[in-house]
Amino acid sequence: HLAPGGRFVIELWVPELRKLPPGQEAVVWQIEPGYIG
């Protein structure tokens, strides 16, 4: 879709694998009143 020299911009999260010790499969990334992610 782009003209020559056109740009493609992506916003993306970085996988938080450094928070995963061996044997653990889940990372809690947000806790606030009324919400857990």
PDB file of all heavy atoms in Angstrom:
ATOM      1  N   HIS A   1       0.798  -1.223   0.000  1.00  0.00           N
ATOM      2  CA  HIS A   1       0.000   0.000   0.000  1.00  0.00           C
ATOM      3  C   HIS A   1       0.835   1.280   0.000  1.00  0.00           C
ATOM      4  O   HIS A   1       0.287   2.363  -0.211  1.00  0.00           O
ATOM      5  CB  HIS A   1      -0.915   0.027   1.240  1.00  0.00           C
ATOM      6  CG  HIS A   1      -2.064  -0.923   1.160  1.00  0.00           C
ATOM      7  ND1 HIS A   1      -1.991  -2.227   1.608  1.00  0.00           N
ATOM      8  CD2 HIS A   1      -3.319  -0.755   0.683  1.00  0.00           C
ATOM      9  CE1 HIS A   1      -3.166  -2.818   1.420  1.00  0.00           C
ATOM     10  NE2 HIS A   1      -3.987  -1.957   0.866  1.00  0.00           N
ATOM     11  N   LEU A   2       2.133   1.164   0.244  1.00  0.00           N
ATOM     12  CA  LEU A   2       2.937   2.353   0.499  1.00  0.00           C
ATOM     13  C   LEU A   2       3.609   2.888  -0.757  1.00  0.00           C
ATOM     14  O   LEU A   2       4.071   2.129  -1.615  1.00  0.00           O
ATOM     15  CB  LEU A   2       4.013   2.045   1.536  1.00  0.00           C
ATOM     16  CG  LEU A   2       3.527   1.919   2.982  1.00  0.00           C
ATOM     17  CD1 LEU A   2       4.630   1.321   3.857  1.00  0.00           C
ATOM     18  CD2 LEU A   2       3.097   3.280   3.534  1.00  0.00           C
ATOM     19  N   ALA A   3       3.706   4.202  -0.809  1.00  0.00           N
ATOM     20  CA  ALA A   3       4.539   4.852  -1.810  1.00  0.00           C
ATOM     21  C   ALA A   3       6.000   4.603  -1.466  1.00  0.00           C
ATOM     22  O   ALA A   3       6.332   4.306  -0.314  1.00  0.00           O
ATOM     23  CB  ALA A   3       4.240   6.358  -1.827  1.00  0.00           C
ATOM     24  N   PRO A   4       6.908   4.721  -2.441  1.00  0.00           N
ATOM     25  CA  PRO A   4       8.334   4.566  -2.131  1.00  0.00           C
ATOM     26  C   PRO A   4       8.752   5.500  -0.997  1.00  0.00           C
ATOM     27  O   PRO A   4       8.405   6.673  -0.985  1.00  0.00           O
ATOM     28  CB  PRO A   4       9.019   4.947  -3.446  1.00  0.00           C
ATOM     29  CG  PRO A   4       7.997   4.622  -4.500  1.00  0.00           C
ATOM     30  CD  PRO A   4       6.671   4.955  -3.883  1.00  0.00           C
ATOM     31  N   GLY A   5       9.479   4.946  -0.015  1.00  0.00           N
ATOM     32  CA  GLY A   5       9.875   5.742   1.139  1.00  0.00           C
ATOM     33  C   GLY A   5       8.821   5.831   2.217  1.00  0.00           C
ATOM     34  O   GLY A   5       9.041   6.462   3.258  1.00  0.00           O
ATOM     35  N   GLY A   6       7.664   5.195   1.998  1.00  0.00           N
ATOM     36  CA  GLY A   6       6.595   5.217   2.982  1.00  0.00           C
ATOM     37  C   GLY A   6       6.955   4.428   4.225  1.00  0.00           C
ATOM     38  O   GLY A   6       7.896   3.625   4.232  1.00  0.00           O
ATOM     39  N   ARG A   7       6.197   4.629   5.288  1.00  0.00           N
ATOM     40  CA  ARG A   7       6.521   4.033   6.584  1.00  0.00           C
ATOM     41  C   ARG A   7       5.401   3.130   7.096  1.00  0.00           C
ATOM     42  O   ARG A   7       4.220   3.409   6.881  1.00  0.00           O
ATOM     43  CB  ARG A   7       6.779   5.132   7.612  1.00  0.00           C
ATOM     44  CG  ARG A   7       8.014   5.990   7.328  1.00  0.00           C
ATOM     45  CD  ARG A   7       8.138   7.072   8.380  1.00  0.00           C
ATOM     46  NE  ARG A   7       9.381   7.831   8.259  1.00  0.00           N
ATOM     47  CZ  ARG A   7       9.488   8.973   7.586  1.00  0.00           C
ATOM     48  NH1 ARG A   7       8.443   9.475   6.950  1.00  0.00           N
ATOM     49  NH2 ARG A   7      10.642   9.610   7.551  1.00  0.00           N
ATOM     50  N   PHE A   8       5.817   2.098   7.792  1.00  0.00           N
ATOM     51  CA  PHE A   8       4.916   1.181   8.492  1.00  0.00           C
ATOM     52  C   PHE A   8       5.271   1.258   9.971  1.00  0.00           C
ATOM     53  O   PHE A   8       6.416   1.021  10.358  1.00  0.00           O
ATOM     54  CB  PHE A   8       5.099  -0.236   7.964  1.00  0.00           C
ATOM     55  CG  PHE A   8       4.167  -1.274   8.553  1.00  0.00           C
ATOM     56  CD1 PHE A   8       2.881  -0.947   8.968  1.00  0.00           C
ATOM     57  CD2 PHE A   8       4.571  -2.597   8.661  1.00  0.00           C
ATOM     58  CE1 PHE A   8       2.023  -1.911   9.488  1.00  0.00           C
ATOM     59  CE2 PHE A   8       3.730  -3.575   9.172  1.00  0.00           C
ATOM     60  CZ  PHE A   8       2.451  -3.223   9.591  1.00  0.00           C
ATOM     61  N   VAL A   9       4.297   1.600  10.806  1.00  0.00           N
ATOM     62  CA  VAL A   9       4.521   1.793  12.237  1.00  0.00           C
ATOM     63  C   VAL A   9       3.789   0.698  13.012  1.00  0.00           C
ATOM     64  O   VAL A   9       2.592   0.457  12.773  1.00  0.00           O
ATOM     65  CB  VAL A   9       4.039   3.180  12.698  1.00  0.00           C
ATOM     66  CG1 VAL A   9       4.286   3.366  14.194  1.00  0.00           C
ATOM     67  CG2 VAL A   9       4.740   4.277  11.908  1.00  0.00           C
ATOM     68  N   ILE A  10       4.508   0.064  13.929  1.00  0.00           N
ATOM     69  CA  ILE A  10       3.932  -0.992  14.760  1.00  0.00           C
ATOM     70  C   ILE A  10       4.170  -0.666  16.228  1.00  0.00           C
ATOM     71  O   ILE A  10       5.289  -0.363  16.630  1.00  0.00           O
ATOM     72  CB  ILE A  10       4.548  -2.365  14.430  1.00  0.00           C
ATOM     73  CG1 ILE A  10       4.147  -2.798  13.017  1.00  0.00           C
ATOM     74  CG2 ILE A  10       4.113  -3.418  15.443  1.00  0.00           C
ATOM     75  CD1 ILE A  10       4.724  -4.134  12.606  1.00  0.00           C
ATOM     76  N   GLU A  11       3.098  -0.748  17.017  1.00  0.00           N
ATOM     77  CA  GLU A  11       3.188  -0.656  18.482  1.00  0.00           C
ATOM     78  C   GLU A  11       2.990  -2.052  19.047  1.00  0.00           C
ATOM     79  O   GLU A  11       1.994  -2.716  18.740  1.00  0.00           O
ATOM     80  CB  GLU A  11       2.110   0.290  19.017  1.00  0.00           C
ATOM     81  CG  GLU A  11       2.089   0.412  20.528  1.00  0.00           C
ATOM     82  CD  GLU A  11       0.917   1.237  21.037  1.00  0.00           C
ATOM     83  OE1 GLU A  11      -0.078   1.388  20.292  1.00  0.00           O
ATOM     84  OE2 GLU A  11       0.990   1.709  22.189  1.00  0.00           O
ATOM     85  N   LEU A  12       3.938  -2.507  19.864  1.00  0.00           N
ATOM     86  CA  LEU A  12       3.904  -3.902  20.303  1.00  0.00           C
ATOM     87  C   LEU A  12       4.557  -4.046  21.675  1.00  0.00           C
ATOM     88  O   LEU A  12       5.518  -3.344  21.990  1.00  0.00           O
ATOM     89  CB  LEU A  12       4.656  -4.765  19.286  1.00  0.00           C
ATOM     90  CG  LEU A  12       4.611  -6.283  19.462  1.00  0.00           C
ATOM     91  CD1 LEU A  12       3.191  -6.819  19.413  1.00  0.00           C
ATOM     92  CD2 LEU A  12       5.472  -6.958  18.404  1.00  0.00           C
ATOM     93  N   TRP A  13       4.039  -4.995  22.464  1.00  0.00           N
ATOM     94  CA  TRP A  13       4.627  -5.239  23.770  1.00  0.00           C
ATOM     95  C   TRP A  13       5.811  -6.192  23.649  1.00  0.00           C
ATOM     96  O   TRP A  13       5.936  -6.950  22.684  1.00  0.00           O
ATOM     97  CB  TRP A  13       3.565  -5.777  24.716  1.00  0.00           C
ATOM     98  CG  TRP A  13       3.527  -7.251  24.968  1.00  0.00           C
ATOM     99  CD1 TRP A  13       4.045  -7.907  26.038  1.00  0.00           C
ATOM    100  CD2 TRP A  13       2.936  -8.279  24.139  1.00  0.00           C
ATOM    101  NE1 TRP A  13       3.799  -9.267  25.930  1.00  0.00           N
ATOM    102  CE2 TRP A  13       3.129  -9.517  24.792  1.00  0.00           C
ATOM    103  CE3 TRP A  13       2.251  -8.257  22.909  1.00  0.00           C
ATOM    104  CZ2 TRP A  13       2.683 -10.720  24.248  1.00  0.00           C
ATOM    105  CZ3 TRP A  13       1.803  -9.440  22.370  1.00  0.00           C
ATOM    106  CH2 TRP A  13       2.025 -10.655  23.049  1.00  0.00           C
ATOM    107  N   VAL A  14       6.689  -6.124  24.651  1.00  0.00           N
ATOM    108  CA  VAL A  14       7.846  -7.006  24.723  1.00  0.00           C
ATOM    109  C   VAL A  14       7.487  -8.188  25.618  1.00  0.00           C
ATOM    110  O   VAL A  14       7.052  -7.989  26.758  1.00  0.00           O
ATOM    111  CB  VAL A  14       9.076  -6.272  25.300  1.00  0.00           C
ATOM    112  CG1 VAL A  14      10.258  -7.236  25.428  1.00  0.00           C
ATOM    113  CG2 VAL A  14       9.443  -5.076  24.425  1.00  0.00           C
ATOM    114  N   PRO A  15       7.630  -9.418  25.136  1.00  0.00           N
ATOM    115  CA  PRO A  15       7.292 -10.588  25.969  1.00  0.00           C
ATOM    116  C   PRO A  15       8.070 -10.565  27.276  1.00  0.00           C
ATOM    117  O   PRO A  15       9.279 -10.334  27.293  1.00  0.00           O
ATOM    118  CB  PRO A  15       7.705 -11.773  25.089  1.00  0.00           C
ATOM    119  CG  PRO A  15       7.746 -11.240  23.701  1.00  0.00           C
ATOM    120  CD  PRO A  15       8.121  -9.800  23.807  1.00  0.00           C
ATOM    121  N   GLU A  16       7.380 -10.839  28.377  1.00  0.00           N
ATOM    122  CA  GLU A  16       8.001 -10.737  29.693  1.00  0.00           C
ATOM    123  C   GLU A  16       8.515 -12.099  30.172  1.00  0.00           C
ATOM    124  O   GLU A  16       8.230 -12.544  31.290  1.00  0.00           O
ATOM    125  CB  GLU A  16       7.010 -10.141  30.695  1.00  0.00           C
ATOM    126  CG  GLU A  16       6.603  -8.716  30.327  1.00  0.00           C
ATOM    127  CD  GLU A  16       5.871  -8.020  31.454  1.00  0.00           C
ATOM    128  OE1 GLU A  16       4.647  -8.182  31.529  1.00  0.00           O
ATOM    129  OE2 GLU A  16       6.526  -7.337  32.257  1.00  0.00           O
ATOM    130  N   LEU A  17       9.291 -12.735  29.323  1.00  0.00           N
ATOM    131  CA  LEU A  17       9.771 -14.077  29.652  1.00  0.00           C
ATOM    132  C   LEU A  17      10.778 -14.073  30.798  1.00  0.00           C
ATOM    133  O   LEU A  17      10.973 -15.096  31.465  1.00  0.00           O
ATOM    134  CB  LEU A  17      10.394 -14.721  28.412  1.00  0.00           C
ATOM    135  CG  LEU A  17       9.442 -14.992  27.243  1.00  0.00           C
ATOM    136  CD1 LEU A  17      10.167 -15.739  26.140  1.00  0.00           C
ATOM    137  CD2 LEU A  17       8.225 -15.773  27.686  1.00  0.00           C
ATOM    138  N   ARG A  18      11.418 -12.939  31.052  1.00  0.00           N
ATOM    139  CA  ARG A  18      12.368 -12.895  32.163  1.00  0.00           C
ATOM    140  C   ARG A  18      11.671 -13.061  33.513  1.00  0.00           C
ATOM    141  O   ARG A  18      12.316 -13.365  34.521  1.00  0.00           O
ATOM    142  CB  ARG A  18      13.143 -11.575  32.135  1.00  0.00           C
ATOM    143  CG  ARG A  18      14.143 -11.485  30.987  1.00  0.00           C
ATOM    144  CD  ARG A  18      15.068 -10.298  31.149  1.00  0.00           C
ATOM    145  NE  ARG A  18      14.354  -9.035  31.150  1.00  0.00           N
ATOM    146  CZ  ARG A  18      14.915  -7.863  31.407  1.00  0.00           C
ATOM    147  NH1 ARG A  18      16.193  -7.794  31.708  1.00  0.00           N
ATOM    148  NH2 ARG A  18      14.201  -6.748  31.357  1.00  0.00           N
ATOM    149  N   LYS A  19      10.354 -12.863  33.531  1.00  0.00           N
ATOM    150  CA  LYS A  19       9.596 -13.045  34.762  1.00  0.00           C
ATOM    151  C   LYS A  19       9.134 -14.481  34.968  1.00  0.00           C
ATOM    152  O   LYS A  19       8.485 -14.788  35.972  1.00  0.00           O
ATOM    153  CB  LYS A  19       8.377 -12.112  34.766  1.00  0.00           C
ATOM    154  CG  LYS A  19       8.723 -10.632  34.853  1.00  0.00           C
ATOM    155  CD  LYS A  19       7.465  -9.802  34.953  1.00  0.00           C
ATOM    156  CE  LYS A  19       7.787  -8.320  35.108  1.00  0.00           C
ATOM    157  NZ  LYS A  19       6.546  -7.502  35.216  1.00  0.00           N
ATOM    158  N   LEU A  20       9.433 -15.352  34.011  1.00  0.00           N
ATOM    159  CA  LEU A  20       8.978 -16.742  34.089  1.00  0.00           C
ATOM    160  C   LEU A  20      10.094 -17.648  34.593  1.00  0.00           C
ATOM    161  O   LEU A  20      10.986 -18.028  33.835  1.00  0.00           O
ATOM    162  CB  LEU A  20       8.539 -17.229  32.704  1.00  0.00           C
ATOM    163  CG  LEU A  20       7.144 -16.872  32.211  1.00  0.00           C
ATOM    164  CD1 LEU A  20       6.951 -17.425  30.803  1.00  0.00           C
ATOM    165  CD2 LEU A  20       6.065 -17.396  33.135  1.00  0.00           C
ATOM    166  N   PRO A  21      10.077 -18.040  35.870  1.00  0.00           N
ATOM    167  CA  PRO A  21      11.044 -19.035  36.333  1.00  0.00           C
ATOM    168  C   PRO A  21      10.664 -20.404  35.786  1.00  0.00           C
ATOM    169  O   PRO A  21       9.538 -20.622  35.339  1.00  0.00           O
ATOM    170  CB  PRO A  21      10.889 -18.981  37.855  1.00  0.00           C
ATOM    171  CG  PRO A  21       9.495 -18.501  38.086  1.00  0.00           C
ATOM    172  CD  PRO A  21       9.189 -17.570  36.943  1.00  0.00           C
ATOM    173  N   PRO A  22      11.596 -21.363  35.782  1.00  0.00           N
ATOM    174  CA  PRO A  22      11.281 -22.708  35.284  1.00  0.00           C
ATOM    175  C   PRO A  22      10.042 -23.286  35.961  1.00  0.00           C
ATOM    176  O   PRO A  22       9.904 -23.232  37.182  1.00  0.00           O
ATOM    177  CB  PRO A  22      12.542 -23.513  35.640  1.00  0.00           C
ATOM    178  CG  PRO A  22      13.626 -22.490  35.663  1.00  0.00           C
ATOM    179  CD  PRO A  22      13.001 -21.249  36.216  1.00  0.00           C
ATOM    180  N   GLY A  23       9.143 -23.808  35.132  1.00  0.00           N
ATOM    181  CA  GLY A  23       7.937 -24.427  35.651  1.00  0.00           C
ATOM    182  C   GLY A  23       6.756 -23.499  35.813  1.00  0.00           C
ATOM    183  O   GLY A  23       5.631 -23.954  36.039  1.00  0.00           O
ATOM    184  N   GLN A  24       6.974 -22.185  35.713  1.00  0.00           N
ATOM    185  CA  GLN A  24       5.871 -21.232  35.830  1.00  0.00           C
ATOM    186  C   GLN A  24       5.391 -20.829  34.449  1.00  0.00           C
ATOM    187  O   GLN A  24       6.205 -20.550  33.557  1.00  0.00           O
ATOM    188  CB  GLN A  24       6.316 -19.988  36.610  1.00  0.00           C
ATOM    189  CG  GLN A  24       5.203 -18.955  36.800  1.00  0.00           C
ATOM    190  CD  GLN A  24       5.639 -17.814  37.699  1.00  0.00           C
ATOM    191  OE1 GLN A  24       6.216 -18.045  38.762  1.00  0.00           O
ATOM    192  NE2 GLN A  24       5.387 -16.590  37.267  1.00  0.00           N
ATOM    193  N   GLU A  25       4.089 -20.773  34.242  1.00  0.00           N
ATOM    194  CA  GLU A  25       3.540 -20.495  32.916  1.00  0.00           C
ATOM    195  C   GLU A  25       2.820 -19.156  32.826  1.00  0.00           C
ATOM    196  O   GLU A  25       2.446 -18.744  31.728  1.00  0.00           O
ATOM    197  CB  GLU A  25       2.558 -21.602  32.510  1.00  0.00           C
ATOM    198  CG  GLU A  25       3.205 -22.976  32.369  1.00  0.00           C
ATOM    199  CD  GLU A  25       2.222 -24.028  31.916  1.00  0.00           C
ATOM    200  OE1 GLU A  25       1.031 -23.688  31.739  1.00  0.00           O
ATOM    201  OE2 GLU A  25       2.630 -25.185  31.735  1.00  0.00           O
ATOM    202  N   ALA A  26       2.625 -18.460  33.943  1.00  0.00           N
ATOM    203  CA  ALA A  26       1.817 -17.237  33.924  1.00  0.00           C
ATOM    204  C   ALA A  26       2.577 -16.057  34.519  1.00  0.00           C
ATOM    205  O   ALA A  26       3.405 -16.215  35.419  1.00  0.00           O
ATOM    206  CB  ALA A  26       0.513 -17.449  34.695  1.00  0.00           C
ATOM    207  N   VAL A  27       2.278 -14.876  33.982  1.00  0.00           N
ATOM    208  CA  VAL A  27       2.816 -13.609  34.482  1.00  0.00           C
ATOM    209  C   VAL A  27       1.656 -12.668  34.744  1.00  0.00           C
ATOM    210  O   VAL A  27       0.819 -12.434  33.852  1.00  0.00           O
ATOM    211  CB  VAL A  27       3.776 -12.959  33.465  1.00  0.00           C
ATOM    212  CG1 VAL A  27       4.134 -11.539  33.889  1.00  0.00           C
ATOM    213  CG2 VAL A  27       5.040 -13.792  33.314  1.00  0.00           C
ATOM    214  N   VAL A  28       1.565 -12.132  35.951  1.00  0.00           N
ATOM    215  CA  VAL A  28       0.579 -11.092  36.255  1.00  0.00           C
ATOM    216  C   VAL A  28       1.195  -9.758  35.853  1.00  0.00           C
ATOM    217  O   VAL A  28       2.242  -9.366  36.355  1.00  0.00           O
ATOM    218  CB  VAL A  28       0.210 -11.083  37.752  1.00  0.00           C
ATOM    219  CG1 VAL A  28      -0.750  -9.934  38.058  1.00  0.00           C
ATOM    220  CG2 VAL A  28      -0.408 -12.415  38.153  1.00  0.00           C
ATOM    221  N   TRP A  29       0.550  -9.067  34.916  1.00  0.00           N
ATOM    222  CA  TRP A  29       1.157  -7.844  34.394  1.00  0.00           C
ATOM    223  C   TRP A  29       0.433  -6.565  34.828  1.00  0.00           C
ATOM    224  O   TRP A  29       0.947  -5.468  34.644  1.00  0.00           O
ATOM    225  CB  TRP A  29       1.251  -7.886  32.869  1.00  0.00           C
ATOM    226  CG  TRP A  29      -0.018  -8.220  32.145  1.00  0.00           C
ATOM    227  CD1 TRP A  29      -0.444  -9.459  31.784  1.00  0.00           C
ATOM    228  CD2 TRP A  29      -1.015  -7.308  31.679  1.00  0.00           C
ATOM    229  NE1 TRP A  29      -1.658  -9.382  31.130  1.00  0.00           N
ATOM    230  CE2 TRP A  29      -2.026  -8.059  31.045  1.00  0.00           C
ATOM    231  CE3 TRP A  29      -1.161  -5.920  31.724  1.00  0.00           C
ATOM    232  CZ2 TRP A  29      -3.151  -7.483  30.474  1.00  0.00           C
ATOM    233  CZ3 TRP A  29      -2.282  -5.344  31.146  1.00  0.00           C
ATOM    234  CH2 TRP A  29      -3.259  -6.130  30.535  1.00  0.00           C
ATOM    235  N   GLN A  30      -0.735  -6.704  35.435  1.00  0.00           N
ATOM    236  CA  GLN A  30      -1.406  -5.508  35.941  1.00  0.00           C
ATOM    237  C   GLN A  30      -2.395  -5.891  37.036  1.00  0.00           C
ATOM    238  O   GLN A  30      -3.151  -6.856  36.886  1.00  0.00           O
ATOM    239  CB  GLN A  30      -2.140  -4.763  34.820  1.00  0.00           C
ATOM    240  CG  GLN A  30      -2.735  -3.428  35.253  1.00  0.00           C
ATOM    241  CD  GLN A  30      -3.237  -2.620  34.065  1.00  0.00           C
ATOM    242  OE1 GLN A  30      -2.894  -2.884  32.920  1.00  0.00           O
ATOM    243  NE2 GLN A  30      -4.071  -1.631  34.333  1.00  0.00           N
ATOM    244  N   ILE A  31      -2.370  -5.122  38.123  1.00  0.00           N
ATOM    245  CA  ILE A  31      -3.348  -5.250  39.197  1.00  0.00           C
ATOM    246  C   ILE A  31      -3.784  -3.841  39.585  1.00  0.00           C
ATOM    247  O   ILE A  31      -2.950  -2.981  39.866  1.00  0.00           O
ATOM    248  CB  ILE A  31      -2.773  -5.970  40.435  1.00  0.00           C
ATOM    249  CG1 ILE A  31      -2.359  -7.400  40.091  1.00  0.00           C
ATOM    250  CG2 ILE A  31      -3.800  -5.993  41.559  1.00  0.00           C
ATOM    251  CD1 ILE A  31      -1.717  -8.131  41.252  1.00  0.00           C
ATOM    252  N   GLU A  32      -5.079  -3.611  39.556  1.00  0.00           N
ATOM    253  CA  GLU A  32      -5.641  -2.330  39.975  1.00  0.00           C
ATOM    254  C   GLU A  32      -7.041  -2.599  40.512  1.00  0.00           C
ATOM    255  O   GLU A  32      -7.578  -3.704  40.320  1.00  0.00           O
ATOM    256  CB  GLU A  32      -5.678  -1.330  38.823  1.00  0.00           C
ATOM    257  CG  GLU A  32      -6.495  -1.780  37.629  1.00  0.00           C
ATOM    258  CD  GLU A  32      -6.424  -0.817  36.460  1.00  0.00           C
ATOM    259  OE1 GLU A  32      -5.311  -0.321  36.168  1.00  0.00           O
ATOM    260  OE2 GLU A  32      -7.477  -0.569  35.835  1.00  0.00           O
ATOM    261  N   PRO A  33      -7.638  -1.655  41.214  1.00  0.00           N
ATOM    262  CA  PRO A  33      -8.978  -1.897  41.761  1.00  0.00           C
ATOM    263  C   PRO A  33      -9.963  -2.341  40.677  1.00  0.00           C
ATOM    264  O   PRO A  33     -10.140  -1.674  39.666  1.00  0.00           O
ATOM    265  CB  PRO A  33      -9.357  -0.536  42.341  1.00  0.00           C
ATOM    266  CG  PRO A  33      -8.048   0.099  42.694  1.00  0.00           C
ATOM    267  CD  PRO A  33      -7.105  -0.335  41.622  1.00  0.00           C
ATOM    268  N   GLY A  34     -10.551  -3.509  40.882  1.00  0.00           N
ATOM    269  CA  GLY A  34     -11.546  -4.033  39.953  1.00  0.00           C
ATOM    270  C   GLY A  34     -10.984  -4.762  38.753  1.00  0.00           C
ATOM    271  O   GLY A  34     -11.745  -5.200  37.886  1.00  0.00           O
ATOM    272  N   TYR A  35      -9.637  -4.939  38.672  1.00  0.00           N
ATOM    273  CA  TYR A  35      -9.064  -5.558  37.475  1.00  0.00           C
ATOM    274  C   TYR A  35      -7.759  -6.282  37.794  1.00  0.00           C
ATOM    275  O   TYR A  35      -6.909  -5.776  38.525  1.00  0.00           O
ATOM    276  CB  TYR A  35      -8.784  -4.504  36.402  1.00  0.00           C
ATOM    277  CG  TYR A  35      -8.128  -5.069  35.169  1.00  0.00           C
ATOM    278  CD1 TYR A  35      -8.869  -5.738  34.206  1.00  0.00           C
ATOM    279  CD2 TYR A  35      -6.760  -4.943  34.970  1.00  0.00           C
ATOM    280  CE1 TYR A  35      -8.263  -6.266  33.082  1.00  0.00           C
ATOM    281  CE2 TYR A  35      -6.139  -5.472  33.855  1.00  0.00           C
ATOM    282  CZ  TYR A  35      -6.901  -6.136  32.911  1.00  0.00           C
ATOM    283  OH  TYR A  35      -6.301  -6.672  31.794  1.00  0.00           O
ATOM    284  N   ILE A  36      -7.601  -7.478  37.224  1.00  0.00           N
ATOM    285  CA  ILE A  36      -6.343  -8.221  37.232  1.00  0.00           C
ATOM    286  C   ILE A  36      -6.084  -8.699  35.814  1.00  0.00           C
ATOM    287  O   ILE A  36      -6.961  -9.288  35.174  1.00  0.00           O
ATOM    288  CB  ILE A  36      -6.384  -9.431  38.183  1.00  0.00           C
ATOM    289  CG1 ILE A  36      -6.636  -8.990  39.621  1.00  0.00           C
ATOM    290  CG2 ILE A  36      -5.084 -10.230  38.095  1.00  0.00           C
ATOM    291  CD1 ILE A  36      -6.876 -10.152  40.570  1.00  0.00           C
ATOM    292  N   GLY A  37      -4.870  -8.441  35.301  1.00  0.00           N
ATOM    293  CA  GLY A  37      -4.478  -8.925  33.984  1.00  0.00           C
ATOM    294  C   GLY A  37      -3.311  -9.877  34.104  1.00  0.00           C
ATOM    295  O   GLY A  37      -2.320  -9.579  34.788  1.00  0.00           O
TER     296      GLY A  37
END
